[in-house]
Amino acid sequence: MSMDLFSQAVSLHRQGRLEEAARLCLRLLEHGNPADFEVRYLLAFLRYQQGRVGEALQAVEAALSRDPTVAKALLLHGILLHATGKPVEALAQLAAAAARDPVNAEIWYSRGVLLGQVARHEEALVSFDKALSIRPTAECWNNRGAALQSLKRWPEALQSFDAALALKPDYAIWINRARVLREMGRFEEAVTACDRAVSLVPDSVVAWNERGRALLRSKRFAESLGSYDRGLAIQPDHVPTIMQRAIALQSLYRQEEEAAGSQAAGRLREAEAGFRRAATLNPNLVEAHTHLGNVLREQGKLDDAEFSYRHAIALQADEPGAHVGLGNVLHDRGDFPGAIECYRHALALNHSIAEAHNNCGNALNDLGRFEEAIACYQQALVLEPDLIHARNNIAVVLRNQGKLQEAKAMFGKIIRSHPDFVTGLDNLASLLSMQGDVVTATNVISRSLTLQKTQKAQRVFVDVIRNGRWIEDNDTLRSLMVCALTEPWGRPSDLAQGAAELIKLDACIGPCIARAVTAWPKFLSRQELYDADGPASLLDNPVLCSFLTSTQNPDAEMERFLTAARHLLLETAVDAVAGYDEHGALPFYGALAQQCFINEYVFSQSEEESRQVDELCARLTVALESDAPLSVLWVIAIAAYRALGSVPLSARLLDRQLPEPAAALLAQQIAEPLAEVRARAEISRLTDIADGVSRDVRELYEENPYPRWVRSAPGEALNGIGAYLYRKFPLAPFQRLAGNSVDILVAGCGTGQHPIEVARRFQGAQVLAIDLSLSSLAYARRKSQELGLTNIEYAQADILELGALGRKFDLIESAGVLHHMADPYAAWGTLLSLLRPGGFMMVGLYSEVARRDILRARRFIAARGFEPVPEQIRQCRQEIMALPEAEGLASLLKLSDFFSISTCRDLLFHVQEHYVTLAGIRDYLREGRLTLLGFEISPTVLHAYRQRFPNDPAATDLGQWQIFENENPDTFSSMYQFWIQKPA
């Protein structure tokens, strides 16, 4: 009877009726049974299959108490001990089982599985090989492959998975095969393996996630999103897939950043949302918080990124990735010592993180600790010999040490091995420009920009063009110049001379310019100036119109040509009847008129031209008054000689449908000035303007807002003044400001370029921008509103009266203002009184040495009796331009300020101007215990100074700078522009 019941229990077990089988076993044990061991073993196995591990363990131990030598019981006991967290005891039982039954494949297989679970993969392989030698199974081959996978023995693992699939094309084995192929870089095969898995189990989120990972590794980021989305449609809360999808979005952002700014930014926001969701679903997932910190940092949200990294560290203090991320945030803020501490903490946890060594080197380089930086980069290369950024950074350090030839050789070697490495190309171009090899620098940076238009490459392009001259004209350079001027990549004025030189190399325009210069002061006929196609042929070069509408022309030869072209435009307009527009030439004519407004009509004009413009104005007024037809050429020609807003009834032009070249002029010369009139009423007045000199200076600037800049340089957003100054003056000894909020004063803000760049540079700063001139302030306010900036307050004020303001600032910038005060040093002292302890100041003052030609020009002007009014400024300029070089005023033609009415008046006719010396500045700094951080000066000049005075690597010895300036008197031709710090 007992044996019958046992047989029934075995039968029920085979049928999967586990609980009924277990009840029969319990009945048998209650009444005693000759097959007591077998009953207890079967009960243990049943409870194990039911997941009732504790009861199973009791039963198998009871069975073993009857007979401790049965291999299958020892095997089950080992499995159950492992399930209860006793791996050592479990493996001992499996060893005993194998000793009792060495040809039992299941025992060796189970032993291999347990060894794998405790990361003893080499021993696991021995067990799997034993099992396979007895009885090959797909499961054993699969687990053998998993052990090899853990050991990163990818080819052998792949062979094991292939052997498993030959026996059983199972879903899980296809997944494992896909993972190995992904690690081997065989991404297409990995995707195919995932497709086989999906065909077996279509609703497997794991398979779709693995498929996305293979696509992600092959840089097919957009395609990977499709796989992740399929997986999340099956299981929306699957955290690994949510994480991988967010990583794919972050990678896609970097891929799309250059081509689609707004869409790329959207990718980052979506990635952020993904990491946040993963962290919400699994709050203790350190990886989610670390990745969230990465994507927040990439968006410039440094406070939020820091919080995420610190949260990850709080969850797991020994997670090196979070420490590296925190170091990156501190580095971005300019806290280089703090960043180094974080990187070193990460390396103490895991010394094999090449990124941490590299980034630590960057922070040390920024602190001027060059040898330590190189040691870090070399360690990174030991860990990752192909880490090209570390090699590039060593070259950067060599450049910073002044070892330009060594740096150049290393950059060259990097580019030869990695010809598409844009960072290396950018750095090489910058170094070549510093050495004066502008031709090669231009070719190198052009290649970089052809590969990828990064912001760094764009800045380098501007620096190269600003420091040199073109020798060739080609389509690539034209295209880059148009982008640089119109997007823009920097201040268009920094590109102006380079653009003019490039235009003069044009096969069509160059001869036109040469003919105009040769004939001057005679005006050529249309046929003599242009080729057979007339002015329309000029439009084949896209640089010309971009240049004329973006910035003030700084070239005398170009001015001669544009003046001649304007004269022919006027002749054509005077003869034009209503309705005639010479359509093909309108874009050039319109751009020319915009240029004339930008330079405040600085070109010479004869009495006959003035009479003809008066005639056109009258003709246009009549047409506007009677709503009669008009010629677009009338509008453009007038706009080329005087502002359209000065024509009676000109506002009615805004209601007319005119072609684009004329419409742009209406915006420039009517709509925008009207907006500035409205803006004047919104500008507050902080102080009285009582000082006589201040009132005279105000009147000088009030007549016209200038400079009439068109496009603002893009801001390189930085987090704090410290970050900016560390990068600019890595060797300067200064103390960081406490806190993140920054109050900034721009004293003498003009038409707004300066405060706008400051507001964009320092994120979160509040900027007060003051000026004497309401006209300039109104222009600045309009431009700020166009750019959507809300952190700039514009106000009319006199620096001398600011002492009663009752406000303090962390940073004050004042360039080109103090030397126009009655007492520059007294005005400087007033500004210093507004600076908080430990605050920073950027000061610009005219150099007595560099202004020698200006003084000569002023004597020339006084001798001829020129007055600072537009007509006489035009006449004075023409006389200076006609002088032989021997007269000593030719250097004025190299100054951009010579090429507009207001800037020329400021340059040569100013009512109040003082010059200072470096010795005087040195004495003032000593008296006020002010620390000099360094000069705003080109890298080329800085390198030359350090070559001359290697004992002053920080370049802050004003005595030695005085010697250098005496030897190179044009060094500070613009002005001394330098940074200081007030004592804390």
Foldseek 3Di string as FASTA:
>chain_A
DLVVLLVVLVVCVVVVVLVVSLVSLVVCVVVDDPPQLVSLQSNLVSCVVVVVLVSSLVSLVVSCVVPVQALVSLQSNLVSCVVVPNNVSSLVSLVSSCVSPVLPLVSLQSSLVSCVVVVVLVSSLVSLVSSVVNPDALVSLQSNLVSCVSVVVLVSSLVSLVVSCVRPVALVSLQSNLVSCLVVVVLVVSLVSLVSSCVVPVQDLSSLLSNLSSCVSVVVLVVSLVSLVSSCVSPVLPLSSLLSNLVSLLSVLVVCCQPDPVVSVVSLVSSLVSLVSSCVSPVLPLVSLLVNLVSCVVVVVLVSSLVSLVSSCVSPVLPLSSLQSNLVSCLLQLVLVSSLVSLVSSCVSPVLDLSSLQVNLVSCVLLVVLVSSLVSLVSSCVNPVPPLVSLLVNLVSCVLLLVLVVSLVSLVVSCVVVVQPLVSLLVNLLSCLLVVVLAVSQVSLLSSVVSGNDLSSLVSNLQSQLRDEDDAEDPSVLVSLLDCQVVNSAFNVSNQVRLVRRLLRDPFQVVLLVQLVVPPPDADAQPSRHPPVGQLVSVVRVSQLSNLQFAAHLFPSVLSSLLSVLVNLLVVQLPDDFPDEPVSNLSVLLSSLNNCVLQVNLAADDPVSVVSLVVLLVVVVVCLVVVHGGYLSSQSSNSNHHQLQVRPPSVSCCVDDDDPSSNVSCCVRPVLVVQLVVLLVVAAAQADQDDPLLVQQQVLCQVAQDNPGDDAHQEPAGQAPSSVLSNVQSNFDADGDPDREFEEEEEAQGQANVVVNVPRHHDNYAYEYEHQYSNSLSNNVVVCVVVVDDRYHYHYYDLLPCLPNPAAGQEYEYAPPLQSDPHSLSSVVSNVVRYDAFGKYKYWAAAPLLCPLLVLLLVVCVVVVAALDSNSLSVSLVVLVPDDCVSPNPVVSVDSLSRHSSSVCVSRVRPGGDHDALVVVVVSCVVQVKGWQWWPARSSVLSVLCVVPVVCSSHRDSVSVRVVCVVVVNRANPTTITMITGHD
